[in-house]
Amino acid sequence: MRRLELKFTNQEGKVVTYSLDQPIEPVDTNAINEAMDTIIGENAFSSSGGDLIEKHSARIVERTVEDIELG
């Protein structure tokens, strides 16, 4: 499963991550930048460390799970 992670810095200087499953690909860097700016500008999310104050990073994460058959 692929996931888009948007990382922000909050007022305490801690990194806060919001994840979105099954992002649209190929990734549109401009759209991600604009979305993150909107989230900060509209104070759309809060964190235990205060408001989100700046963009930290964004990334696509892929996770693979393999079940192990126990006999």
Protein backbone atom coordinates (compact mmCIF):
# COMPACT_ATOMS: atom_id res chain seq x y z
CA MET A 1 0.00 0.00 0.00
CA ARG A 2 1.29 3.43 -0.91
CA ARG A 3 0.68 6.41 1.32
CA LEU A 4 1.38 10.12 1.04
CA GLU A 5 2.83 11.60 4.23
CA LEU A 6 2.63 15.35 4.78
CA LYS A 7 4.95 16.54 7.53
CA PHE A 8 4.61 19.88 9.29
CA THR A 9 6.42 21.62 12.13
CA ASN A 10 4.23 22.81 15.00
CA GLN A 11 4.70 25.69 17.45
CA GLU A 12 6.79 23.48 19.77
CA GLY A 13 9.16 22.64 16.91
CA LYS A 14 7.98 19.04 16.70
CA VAL A 15 7.21 17.29 13.42
CA VAL A 16 3.56 16.30 12.92
CA THR A 17 2.66 13.80 10.18
CA TYR A 18 -0.65 13.41 8.37
CA SER A 19 -1.05 10.41 6.07
CA LEU A 20 -3.29 9.89 3.05
CA ASP A 21 -3.88 6.42 1.62
CA GLN A 22 -3.72 5.73 -2.12
CA PRO A 23 -2.46 9.11 -3.34
CA ILE A 24 -3.02 10.18 -6.94
CA GLU A 25 0.00 9.32 -9.03
CA PRO A 26 2.13 10.60 -10.53
CA VAL A 27 2.58 12.99 -7.64
CA ASP A 28 1.94 16.66 -8.42
CA THR A 29 4.49 18.58 -6.36
CA ASN A 30 2.76 21.91 -6.96
CA ALA A 31 -0.59 20.54 -5.75
CA ILE A 32 1.04 19.12 -2.61
CA ASN A 33 2.75 22.46 -1.87
CA GLU A 34 -0.51 24.35 -2.35
CA ALA A 35 -2.46 21.88 -0.17
CA MET A 36 0.11 22.15 2.62
CA ASP A 37 0.07 25.96 2.40
CA THR A 38 -3.74 25.88 2.64
CA ILE A 39 -3.67 23.56 5.66
CA ILE A 40 -1.29 25.96 7.45
CA GLY A 41 -3.07 29.13 6.30
CA GLU A 42 -6.52 27.95 7.35
CA ASN A 43 -5.27 26.29 10.54
CA ALA A 44 -7.14 23.19 9.34
CA PHE A 45 -5.52 20.75 11.79
CA SER A 46 -4.28 21.07 15.32
CA SER A 47 -1.66 19.16 17.24
CA SER A 48 -0.87 18.67 20.91
CA GLY A 49 2.15 20.95 20.35
CA GLY A 50 0.13 23.86 19.00
CA ASP A 51 -0.66 25.13 15.52
CA LEU A 52 1.12 23.91 12.43
CA ILE A 53 3.47 26.71 11.44
CA GLU A 54 5.55 25.47 8.49
CA LYS A 55 6.02 22.70 5.96
CA HIS A 56 8.66 20.18 6.94
CA SER A 57 8.51 17.62 4.10
CA ALA A 58 6.33 15.28 2.07
CA ARG A 59 6.98 11.75 0.91
CA ILE A 60 5.45 8.64 -0.57
CA VAL A 61 5.80 5.58 1.66
CA GLU A 62 5.21 2.05 0.46
CA ARG A 63 4.63 -0.77 2.89
CA THR A 64 4.72 -4.45 2.03
CA VAL A 65 3.20 -7.04 4.36
CA GLU A 66 3.88 -10.73 4.01
CA ASP A 67 1.95 -13.20 6.16
CA ILE A 68 3.88 -16.10 7.62
CA GLU A 69 2.08 -19.43 7.72
CA LEU A 70 2.49 -20.94 11.16
CA GLY A 71 2.28 -24.70 11.05
